[in-house]
Protein backbone atom coordinates (compact mmCIF):
# COMPACT_ATOMS: atom_id res chain seq x y z
CA UNK A 1 -32.69 -16.53 26.12
CA UNK A 2 -34.38 -15.27 22.92
CA UNK A 3 -34.45 -11.75 24.33
CA UNK A 4 -30.66 -11.84 24.92
CA UNK A 5 -30.04 -12.96 21.31
CA UNK A 6 -32.02 -10.07 19.80
CA UNK A 7 -29.03 -7.62 19.56
CA UNK A 8 -26.90 -10.26 17.82
CA UNK A 9 -29.70 -11.17 15.40
CA UNK A 10 -30.28 -7.49 14.62
CA UNK A 11 -26.57 -6.93 14.01
CA UNK A 12 -26.36 -9.90 11.63
CA UNK A 13 -29.49 -8.72 9.81
CA UNK A 14 -28.11 -5.19 9.47
CA UNK A 15 -24.83 -6.53 8.12
CA UNK A 16 -26.65 -8.73 5.60
CA UNK A 17 -28.83 -5.82 4.46
CA UNK A 18 -25.84 -3.51 4.06
CA UNK A 19 -24.13 -6.12 1.87
CA UNK A 20 -27.18 -6.13 -0.40
CA UNK A 21 -27.33 -2.35 -0.85
CA UNK A 22 -26.88 -1.42 -4.48
CA UNK A 23 -23.36 -0.35 -5.33
CA UNK A 24 -21.74 -1.23 -2.00
CA UNK A 25 -19.94 -4.42 -3.05
CA UNK A 26 -19.33 -3.10 -6.56
CA UNK A 27 -17.82 0.13 -5.28
CA UNK A 28 -15.49 -1.76 -2.96
CA UNK A 29 -14.30 -4.13 -5.68
CA UNK A 30 -13.81 -1.16 -8.01
CA UNK A 31 -11.68 0.52 -5.33
CA UNK A 32 -9.63 -2.67 -4.84
CA UNK A 33 -8.97 -2.82 -8.59
CA UNK A 34 -7.96 0.86 -8.59
CA UNK A 35 -5.50 0.27 -5.72
CA UNK A 36 -4.08 -2.81 -7.47
CA UNK A 37 -3.61 -0.60 -10.54
CA UNK A 38 -1.75 1.97 -8.39
CA UNK A 39 0.55 -0.78 -7.10
CA UNK A 40 1.24 -1.72 -10.73
CA UNK A 41 2.01 1.94 -11.49
CA UNK A 42 4.38 2.02 -8.53
CA UNK A 43 6.25 -1.03 -9.83
CA UNK A 44 6.43 0.35 -13.38
CA UNK A 45 7.60 3.81 -12.29
CA UNK A 46 10.22 2.29 -10.00
CA UNK A 47 11.48 0.08 -12.81
CA UNK A 48 11.71 3.13 -15.13
CA UNK A 49 13.86 4.73 -12.37
CA UNK A 50 11.49 7.74 -12.36
CA UNK A 51 11.67 9.15 -8.83
CA UNK A 52 9.42 12.10 -9.61
CA UNK A 53 6.69 9.84 -11.04
CA UNK A 54 6.96 7.47 -8.06
CA UNK A 55 6.60 10.40 -5.66
CA UNK A 56 3.32 11.49 -7.30
CA UNK A 57 1.72 8.33 -5.87
CA UNK A 58 2.23 9.85 -2.40
CA UNK A 59 0.46 12.83 -0.78
CA UNK A 60 2.25 16.12 -0.20
CA UNK A 61 2.12 15.38 3.55
CA UNK A 62 3.08 11.69 3.38
CA UNK A 63 5.09 10.10 6.15
CA UNK A 64 7.21 7.23 4.81
CA UNK A 65 8.81 4.90 7.35
CA UNK A 66 11.75 3.34 5.50
CA UNK A 67 13.20 -0.15 5.83
CA UNK A 68 16.34 0.98 7.67
CA UNK A 69 14.56 3.08 10.28
CA UNK A 70 14.59 6.33 8.32
CA UNK A 71 11.51 8.56 8.28
CA UNK A 72 10.80 10.67 5.19
CA UNK A 73 8.24 13.43 5.61
CA UNK A 74 6.61 14.98 2.56
CA UNK A 75 6.53 14.14 -1.13
CA UNK A 76 9.83 15.92 -1.84
CA UNK A 77 11.64 13.79 0.74
CA UNK A 78 10.12 10.63 -0.76
CA UNK A 79 11.21 11.70 -4.23
CA UNK A 80 14.77 12.26 -3.00
CA UNK A 81 14.72 8.89 -1.21
CA UNK A 82 13.88 7.13 -4.51
CA UNK A 83 16.35 9.24 -6.48
CA UNK A 84 19.10 8.16 -4.04
CA UNK A 85 18.04 4.51 -4.36
CA UNK A 86 18.17 4.67 -8.16
CA UNK A 87 21.54 6.42 -8.15
CA UNK A 88 22.86 3.72 -5.80
CA UNK A 89 21.77 1.03 -8.27
CA UNK A 90 18.61 -0.51 -6.82
CA UNK A 91 16.39 -1.86 -9.61
CA UNK A 92 13.96 -4.47 -10.91
CA UNK A 93 11.10 -4.26 -8.44
CA UNK A 94 8.30 -6.80 -8.35
CA UNK A 95 5.25 -6.20 -6.17
CA UNK A 96 2.81 -8.89 -5.02
CA UNK A 97 -0.40 -7.67 -3.41
CA UNK A 98 -1.28 -9.65 -0.28
CA UNK A 99 -4.24 -7.71 1.15
CA UNK A 100 -6.34 -4.66 0.38
CA UNK A 101 -9.07 -3.36 2.65
CA UNK A 102 -11.30 -0.44 1.68
CA UNK A 103 -13.32 1.60 4.18
CA UNK A 104 -15.06 4.36 2.24
CA UNK A 105 -12.45 6.84 1.02
CA UNK A 106 -9.70 5.26 3.13
CA UNK A 107 -7.90 2.00 2.42
CA UNK A 108 -4.83 0.03 3.35
CA UNK A 109 -2.77 -2.47 1.47
CA UNK A 110 -0.08 -4.95 2.35
CA UNK A 111 2.29 -6.09 -0.36
CA UNK A 112 5.47 -8.12 -0.68
CA UNK A 113 8.22 -6.66 -2.82
CA UNK A 114 11.51 -7.84 -4.24
CA UNK A 115 14.22 -5.64 -5.74
CA UNK A 116 17.80 -6.09 -6.87
CA UNK A 117 20.47 -4.36 -4.83
CA UNK A 118 23.40 -2.60 -6.56
CA UNK A 119 25.34 -5.89 -6.79
CA UNK A 120 22.37 -7.66 -8.40
CA UNK A 121 21.45 -9.59 -5.27
CA UNK A 122 17.70 -9.91 -4.64
CA UNK A 123 16.27 -8.22 -1.56
CA UNK A 124 12.74 -8.71 -0.25
CA UNK A 125 10.39 -7.06 2.18
CA UNK A 126 6.86 -5.94 2.87
CA UNK A 127 5.03 -2.65 2.91
CA UNK A 128 1.88 -1.45 4.59
CA UNK A 129 0.32 1.63 3.01
CA UNK A 130 -2.60 3.74 4.16
CA UNK A 131 -4.30 5.43 1.24
CA UNK A 132 -6.97 8.09 0.83
CA UNK A 133 -9.13 8.66 -2.23
CA UNK A 134 -8.47 12.25 -3.35
CA UNK A 135 -10.23 13.56 -6.44
CA UNK A 136 -10.90 9.96 -7.50
CA UNK A 137 -7.25 8.82 -7.12
CA UNK A 138 -5.85 6.64 -4.34
CA UNK A 139 -2.93 8.51 -2.75
CA UNK A 140 -0.55 7.09 -0.13
CA UNK A 141 -0.77 9.04 3.15
CA UNK A 142 1.44 6.79 5.29
CA UNK A 143 3.62 3.82 4.48
CA UNK A 144 5.78 1.48 6.48
CA UNK A 145 8.39 -0.57 4.61
CA UNK A 146 10.54 -3.34 6.02
CA UNK A 147 13.28 -5.55 4.67
CA UNK A 148 13.58 -9.26 5.26
CA UNK A 149 16.83 -9.86 7.10
CA UNK A 150 18.40 -13.34 7.16
CA UNK A 151 18.22 -15.09 10.51
CA UNK A 152 21.54 -15.43 12.30
CA UNK A 153 23.03 -18.94 12.31
CA UNK A 154 22.27 -21.05 15.38
């Protein structure tokens, strides 16, 4: 029985040692803070109605899966998507980070958002973003956004 447990014991020991390596935990928490800062920048740029500044948070080759089934490919398409939203009257975004996971120079985040539609009615949804660290900055490579839709009456 002890012989069969050896791989599990070795795996646990390796995991424990990797957690104690200098800089590993600190680097991850630093990356999480940097991504949280980027989410704050996203909210602020959206609320300034600055489509060009919002688009700079995304890579040139980004694929953005929108809440109504649209797919926007490339930074220019994302910029136009936000420009159209601002011109239509969407405003007042709030972002709440739910999860961030960092794996080296790749990360993902899940956040809840609320915005006001053109009539002032609040809308809510979630996004999942896959980011890559490029030249020290976390840039969105892919994102999937949904909108919370009221349940039909029973």
